[in-house]
Amino acid sequence: AVHITNRYLDLQPVVAAAAQQLGLSVLVVALEPGDGEVFCRRSLWALIVRPERVASLQAAVSGTKALLPRPGFTAWTDGFSNLLGILK
């Protein structure tokens, strides 16, 4: 699991492209704080899984959605990244 909560950057396409490079799939789940949890905030998580596990995890973890790679998004590497491309 990768914590991808960020106010300023949309990290979903970064994770989706990395998973695609590895032949894996991504499920995104948003966790909401319960009533009375004053110090907790909403968080967004990416679950990186083998493609054959997607259906069973979607059934087991409520609120998950499949994350597909963004068309035209170039995967980040040691030699390439583009922060401007993921600004919200």
Protein backbone atom coordinates (compact mmCIF):
# COMPACT_ATOMS: atom_id res chain seq x y z
CA ALA A 1 0.00 0.00 0.00
CA VAL A 2 1.16 3.52 -0.81
CA HIS A 3 -0.14 6.57 1.04
CA ILE A 4 -0.94 9.09 -1.71
CA THR A 5 -2.80 11.80 0.20
CA ASN A 6 -1.52 15.20 -0.87
CA ARG A 7 -3.16 18.63 -1.00
CA TYR A 8 -1.13 19.89 -3.93
CA LEU A 9 -0.03 16.90 -6.01
CA ASP A 10 -2.13 14.22 -7.69
CA LEU A 11 0.06 11.17 -7.08
CA GLN A 12 -2.38 8.71 -8.63
CA PRO A 13 -0.93 8.80 -12.18
CA VAL A 14 2.60 8.37 -10.79
CA VAL A 15 1.61 5.21 -8.92
CA ALA A 16 -0.51 3.90 -11.80
CA ALA A 17 2.34 4.31 -14.30
CA ALA A 18 4.84 2.62 -11.98
CA ALA A 19 2.48 -0.30 -11.41
CA GLN A 20 1.85 -0.64 -15.14
CA GLN A 21 5.62 -0.84 -15.76
CA LEU A 22 5.69 -3.79 -13.34
CA GLY A 23 2.62 -5.50 -14.80
CA LEU A 24 0.56 -4.77 -11.68
CA SER A 25 -2.83 -3.17 -11.03
CA VAL A 26 -3.82 -0.41 -8.61
CA LEU A 27 -6.88 -0.05 -6.42
CA VAL A 28 -7.52 3.26 -4.67
CA VAL A 29 -9.34 3.49 -1.36
CA ALA A 30 -10.27 6.64 0.56
CA LEU A 31 -10.38 6.22 4.32
CA GLU A 32 -12.65 8.59 6.22
CA PRO A 33 -12.24 9.29 9.95
CA GLY A 34 -14.98 8.04 12.22
CA ASP A 35 -17.23 10.27 14.28
CA GLY A 36 -15.36 11.90 17.13
CA GLU A 37 -11.90 11.28 15.66
CA VAL A 38 -10.70 14.87 16.00
CA PHE A 39 -7.06 14.25 15.09
CA CYS A 40 -7.71 12.04 12.07
CA ARG A 41 -8.09 13.25 8.50
CA ARG A 42 -9.27 11.66 5.28
CA SER A 43 -6.50 9.65 3.66
CA LEU A 44 -6.07 8.19 0.19
CA TRP A 45 -4.27 4.88 -0.34
CA ALA A 46 -3.15 3.01 -3.46
CA LEU A 47 -3.14 -0.77 -3.16
CA ILE A 48 -0.75 -2.24 -5.71
CA VAL A 49 -1.76 -5.80 -6.51
CA ARG A 50 -1.43 -8.58 -9.04
CA PRO A 51 -4.17 -8.26 -11.68
CA GLU A 52 -5.78 -11.56 -10.68
CA ARG A 53 -6.35 -10.19 -7.13
CA VAL A 54 -8.31 -7.07 -8.17
CA ALA A 55 -11.80 -8.62 -8.07
CA SER A 56 -11.34 -10.33 -4.71
CA LEU A 57 -9.89 -7.21 -3.08
CA GLN A 58 -12.67 -5.02 -4.44
CA ALA A 59 -15.14 -7.42 -2.84
CA ALA A 60 -13.22 -7.51 0.46
CA VAL A 61 -12.38 -3.81 0.85
CA SER A 62 -15.37 -1.49 0.52
CA GLY A 63 -15.00 1.71 -1.45
CA THR A 64 -12.10 0.62 -3.63
CA LYS A 65 -11.92 1.68 -7.25
CA ALA A 66 -9.58 0.54 -9.99
CA LEU A 67 -7.00 3.12 -11.01
CA LEU A 68 -6.16 3.09 -14.70
CA PRO A 69 -3.02 4.72 -16.10
CA ARG A 70 -3.51 8.26 -17.41
CA PRO A 71 -3.19 8.30 -21.22
CA GLY A 72 0.02 10.02 -22.29
CA PHE A 73 1.49 10.08 -18.78
CA THR A 74 5.18 9.17 -18.78
CA ALA A 75 6.29 6.93 -15.94
CA TRP A 76 8.74 8.52 -13.55
CA THR A 77 12.25 7.13 -13.41
CA ASP A 78 15.55 8.08 -11.79
CA GLY A 79 16.17 10.27 -14.84
CA PHE A 80 12.69 11.73 -15.39
CA SER A 81 9.92 13.28 -13.31
CA ASN A 82 7.49 16.12 -13.91
CA LEU A 83 6.01 17.80 -10.83
CA LEU A 84 4.14 20.35 -12.94
CA GLY A 85 2.25 17.52 -14.62
CA ILE A 86 0.70 16.35 -11.35
CA LEU A 87 -0.23 19.69 -9.75
CA LYS A 88 -3.86 19.78 -8.65
